[in-house]
Amino acid sequence: MKGVAEKQEDIKEEAKGPAKKRLPKMLKAIGQKQLKALQEDKVLQQMISISKRSKEWIMSMSKSFKKESKSKTFCQR
């Protein structure tokens, strides 16, 4: 079974010449099929939701840190 990257490389090789204009559409269609398959994978969905939550947490922490740094001047000596 070939990997995703290898399949895309094969398609790129086939698309040289007059068919080169069709390449983005072909790659997009393949990408959508893979995305749909990945969306059905429950474990991957859990990982994605965890990463989204951690990203939100990091963003909220950075915002609170910025507020603290504005209120306190660290340069006071």
N, C-alpha and C. Protein backbone atom coordinates (compact mmCIF):
# COMPACT_ATOMS: atom_id res chain seq x y z
N MET A 1 0.85 -1.19 0.00
CA MET A 1 0.00 0.00 0.00
C MET A 1 0.88 1.25 0.00
N LYS A 2 0.63 2.12 -0.92
CA LYS A 2 1.43 3.34 -1.03
C LYS A 2 0.99 4.37 -0.02
N GLY A 3 1.93 5.21 0.38
CA GLY A 3 1.61 6.31 1.29
C GLY A 3 0.93 7.44 0.54
N VAL A 4 0.38 8.34 1.28
CA VAL A 4 -0.34 9.48 0.70
C VAL A 4 0.60 10.33 -0.14
N ALA A 5 1.79 10.60 0.39
CA ALA A 5 2.74 11.45 -0.32
C ALA A 5 3.16 10.80 -1.63
N GLU A 6 3.37 9.48 -1.60
CA GLU A 6 3.77 8.80 -2.83
C GLU A 6 2.68 8.88 -3.88
N LYS A 7 1.43 8.71 -3.47
CA LYS A 7 0.31 8.80 -4.41
C LYS A 7 0.25 10.19 -5.03
N GLN A 8 0.43 11.21 -4.21
CA GLN A 8 0.37 12.57 -4.73
C GLN A 8 1.53 12.82 -5.69
N GLU A 9 2.71 12.25 -5.38
CA GLU A 9 3.85 12.41 -6.29
C GLU A 9 3.56 11.74 -7.62
N ASP A 10 2.95 10.54 -7.58
CA ASP A 10 2.60 9.84 -8.81
C ASP A 10 1.65 10.69 -9.65
N ILE A 11 0.68 11.29 -9.00
CA ILE A 11 -0.29 12.12 -9.71
C ILE A 11 0.40 13.34 -10.32
N LYS A 12 1.34 13.92 -9.57
CA LYS A 12 2.07 15.08 -10.09
C LYS A 12 2.87 14.69 -11.33
N GLU A 13 3.48 13.50 -11.30
CA GLU A 13 4.25 13.04 -12.46
C GLU A 13 3.34 12.86 -13.67
N GLU A 14 2.15 12.28 -13.44
CA GLU A 14 1.20 12.07 -14.53
C GLU A 14 0.68 13.40 -15.08
N ALA A 15 0.66 14.41 -14.26
CA ALA A 15 0.04 15.68 -14.64
C ALA A 15 0.97 16.61 -15.41
N LYS A 16 2.20 16.18 -15.65
CA LYS A 16 3.10 17.05 -16.42
C LYS A 16 2.59 17.15 -17.85
N GLY A 17 2.70 18.33 -18.40
CA GLY A 17 2.23 18.52 -19.76
C GLY A 17 0.88 19.21 -19.79
N PRO A 18 0.05 18.91 -20.81
CA PRO A 18 -1.23 19.62 -20.96
C PRO A 18 -2.20 19.36 -19.81
N ALA A 19 -2.05 18.25 -19.11
CA ALA A 19 -2.98 17.93 -18.03
C ALA A 19 -2.61 18.64 -16.73
N LYS A 20 -1.55 19.43 -16.77
CA LYS A 20 -1.07 20.07 -15.54
C LYS A 20 -2.12 20.99 -14.92
N LYS A 21 -2.99 21.54 -15.73
CA LYS A 21 -4.03 22.44 -15.21
C LYS A 21 -5.05 21.69 -14.36
N ARG A 22 -5.17 20.39 -14.57
CA ARG A 22 -6.13 19.60 -13.81
C ARG A 22 -5.59 19.19 -12.45
N LEU A 23 -4.29 19.34 -12.24
CA LEU A 23 -3.65 18.85 -11.01
C LEU A 23 -4.28 19.38 -9.73
N PRO A 24 -4.47 20.70 -9.58
CA PRO A 24 -5.05 21.18 -8.31
C PRO A 24 -6.40 20.56 -8.00
N LYS A 25 -7.23 20.39 -9.04
CA LYS A 25 -8.55 19.78 -8.83
C LYS A 25 -8.41 18.33 -8.38
N MET A 26 -7.46 17.61 -9.00
CA MET A 26 -7.24 16.21 -8.64
C MET A 26 -6.75 16.10 -7.20
N LEU A 27 -5.79 16.94 -6.85
CA LEU A 27 -5.24 16.90 -5.49
C LEU A 27 -6.31 17.30 -4.48
N LYS A 28 -7.13 18.28 -4.83
CA LYS A 28 -8.19 18.72 -3.93
C LYS A 28 -9.19 17.59 -3.68
N ALA A 29 -9.55 16.88 -4.75
CA ALA A 29 -10.49 15.76 -4.61
C ALA A 29 -9.91 14.67 -3.72
N ILE A 30 -8.63 14.36 -3.92
CA ILE A 30 -7.97 13.36 -3.09
C ILE A 30 -7.92 13.84 -1.65
N GLY A 31 -7.60 15.10 -1.45
CA GLY A 31 -7.53 15.67 -0.11
C GLY A 31 -8.88 15.59 0.60
N GLN A 32 -9.96 15.85 -0.14
CA GLN A 32 -11.29 15.80 0.46
C GLN A 32 -11.65 14.37 0.86
N LYS A 33 -11.26 13.40 0.01
CA LYS A 33 -11.54 12.00 0.35
C LYS A 33 -10.78 11.60 1.61
N GLN A 34 -9.51 12.01 1.69
CA GLN A 34 -8.71 11.68 2.86
C GLN A 34 -9.25 12.38 4.09
N LEU A 35 -9.66 13.62 3.94
CA LEU A 35 -10.20 14.38 5.07
C LEU A 35 -11.47 13.70 5.60
N LYS A 36 -12.31 13.24 4.69
CA LYS A 36 -13.54 12.56 5.11
C LYS A 36 -13.20 11.28 5.86
N ALA A 37 -12.22 10.53 5.37
CA ALA A 37 -11.81 9.29 6.04
C ALA A 37 -11.24 9.60 7.43
N LEU A 38 -10.47 10.68 7.52
CA LEU A 38 -9.89 11.05 8.81
C LEU A 38 -10.96 11.51 9.79
N GLN A 39 -11.97 12.20 9.28
CA GLN A 39 -13.04 12.68 10.15
C GLN A 39 -13.83 11.53 10.76
N GLU A 40 -13.86 10.40 10.06
CA GLU A 40 -14.58 9.24 10.56
C GLU A 40 -13.77 8.50 11.62
N ASP A 41 -12.47 8.77 11.69
CA ASP A 41 -11.60 8.10 12.66
C ASP A 41 -11.80 8.74 14.03
N LYS A 42 -12.36 7.97 14.95
CA LYS A 42 -12.72 8.50 16.28
C LYS A 42 -11.50 8.90 17.10
N VAL A 43 -10.44 8.09 17.06
CA VAL A 43 -9.24 8.39 17.85
C VAL A 43 -8.65 9.71 17.40
N LEU A 44 -8.59 9.90 16.09
CA LEU A 44 -8.04 11.15 15.56
C LEU A 44 -8.91 12.32 15.97
N GLN A 45 -10.22 12.13 15.97
CA GLN A 45 -11.13 13.20 16.39
C GLN A 45 -10.86 13.61 17.83
N GLN A 46 -10.62 12.62 18.69
CA GLN A 46 -10.32 12.93 20.09
C GLN A 46 -9.02 13.71 20.20
N MET A 47 -8.01 13.32 19.42
CA MET A 47 -6.73 14.03 19.46
C MET A 47 -6.90 15.46 18.98
N ILE A 48 -7.69 15.65 17.93
CA ILE A 48 -7.92 16.99 17.40
C ILE A 48 -8.63 17.86 18.44
N SER A 49 -9.63 17.30 19.11
CA SER A 49 -10.36 18.08 20.11
C SER A 49 -9.46 18.44 21.28
N ILE A 50 -8.58 17.51 21.68
CA ILE A 50 -7.63 17.80 22.76
C ILE A 50 -6.68 18.91 22.34
N SER A 51 -6.18 18.84 21.11
CA SER A 51 -5.25 19.87 20.66
C SER A 51 -5.94 21.23 20.56
N LYS A 52 -7.21 21.24 20.15
CA LYS A 52 -7.95 22.51 20.09
C LYS A 52 -8.13 23.10 21.48
N ARG A 53 -8.47 22.22 22.45
CA ARG A 53 -8.66 22.71 23.82
C ARG A 53 -7.35 23.23 24.39
N SER A 54 -6.25 22.52 24.12
CA SER A 54 -4.97 22.99 24.65
C SER A 54 -4.57 24.31 24.00
N LYS A 55 -4.89 24.46 22.71
CA LYS A 55 -4.59 25.72 22.03
C LYS A 55 -5.39 26.86 22.66
N GLU A 56 -6.66 26.60 22.93
CA GLU A 56 -7.49 27.63 23.56
C GLU A 56 -6.95 27.99 24.93
N TRP A 57 -6.51 26.98 25.68
CA TRP A 57 -5.96 27.22 27.02
C TRP A 57 -4.69 28.07 26.93
N ILE A 58 -3.82 27.73 25.97
CA ILE A 58 -2.57 28.48 25.79
C ILE A 58 -2.88 29.93 25.42
N MET A 59 -3.86 30.12 24.53
CA MET A 59 -4.23 31.48 24.12
C MET A 59 -4.77 32.27 25.31
N SER A 60 -5.60 31.64 26.13
CA SER A 60 -6.15 32.35 27.29
C SER A 60 -5.05 32.69 28.28
N MET A 61 -4.09 31.78 28.46
CA MET A 61 -2.99 32.04 29.38
C MET A 61 -2.13 33.19 28.87
N SER A 62 -1.87 33.21 27.57
CA SER A 62 -1.04 34.29 27.03
C SER A 62 -1.75 35.63 27.16
N LYS A 63 -3.07 35.64 26.99
CA LYS A 63 -3.83 36.89 27.15
C LYS A 63 -3.75 37.38 28.59
N SER A 64 -3.91 36.46 29.54
CA SER A 64 -3.86 36.87 30.95
C SER A 64 -2.45 37.34 31.31
N PHE A 65 -1.43 36.71 30.73
CA PHE A 65 -0.06 37.13 31.00
C PHE A 65 0.18 38.53 30.44
N LYS A 66 -0.35 38.81 29.25
CA LYS A 66 -0.20 40.14 28.67
C LYS A 66 -0.86 41.19 29.55
N LYS A 67 -2.04 40.87 30.09
CA LYS A 67 -2.73 41.81 30.98
C LYS A 67 -1.89 42.07 32.22
N GLU A 68 -1.30 41.01 32.79
CA GLU A 68 -0.47 41.17 33.98
C GLU A 68 0.75 42.01 33.68
N SER A 69 1.38 41.75 32.53
CA SER A 69 2.60 42.48 32.21
C SER A 69 2.31 43.96 31.95
N LYS A 70 1.10 44.26 31.47
CA LYS A 70 0.74 45.67 31.28
C LYS A 70 0.47 46.35 32.62
N SER A 71 -0.15 45.61 33.54
CA SER A 71 -0.49 46.22 34.82
C SER A 71 0.74 46.37 35.71
N LYS A 72 1.63 45.41 35.65
CA LYS A 72 2.86 45.49 36.46
C LYS A 72 4.01 45.87 35.53
N THR A 73 4.81 46.79 35.95
CA THR A 73 5.99 47.09 35.14
C THR A 73 7.15 46.31 35.72
N PHE A 74 7.71 45.47 34.87
CA PHE A 74 8.81 44.63 35.32
C PHE A 74 10.12 45.41 35.39
N CYS A 75 10.12 46.62 34.90
CA CYS A 75 11.35 47.40 34.84
C CYS A 75 11.66 48.14 36.14
N GLN A 76 10.77 48.08 37.10
CA GLN A 76 11.01 48.81 38.35
C GLN A 76 12.18 48.18 39.10
N ARG A 77 13.14 49.03 39.49
CA ARG A 77 14.30 48.51 40.22
C ARG A 77 14.53 49.33 41.45
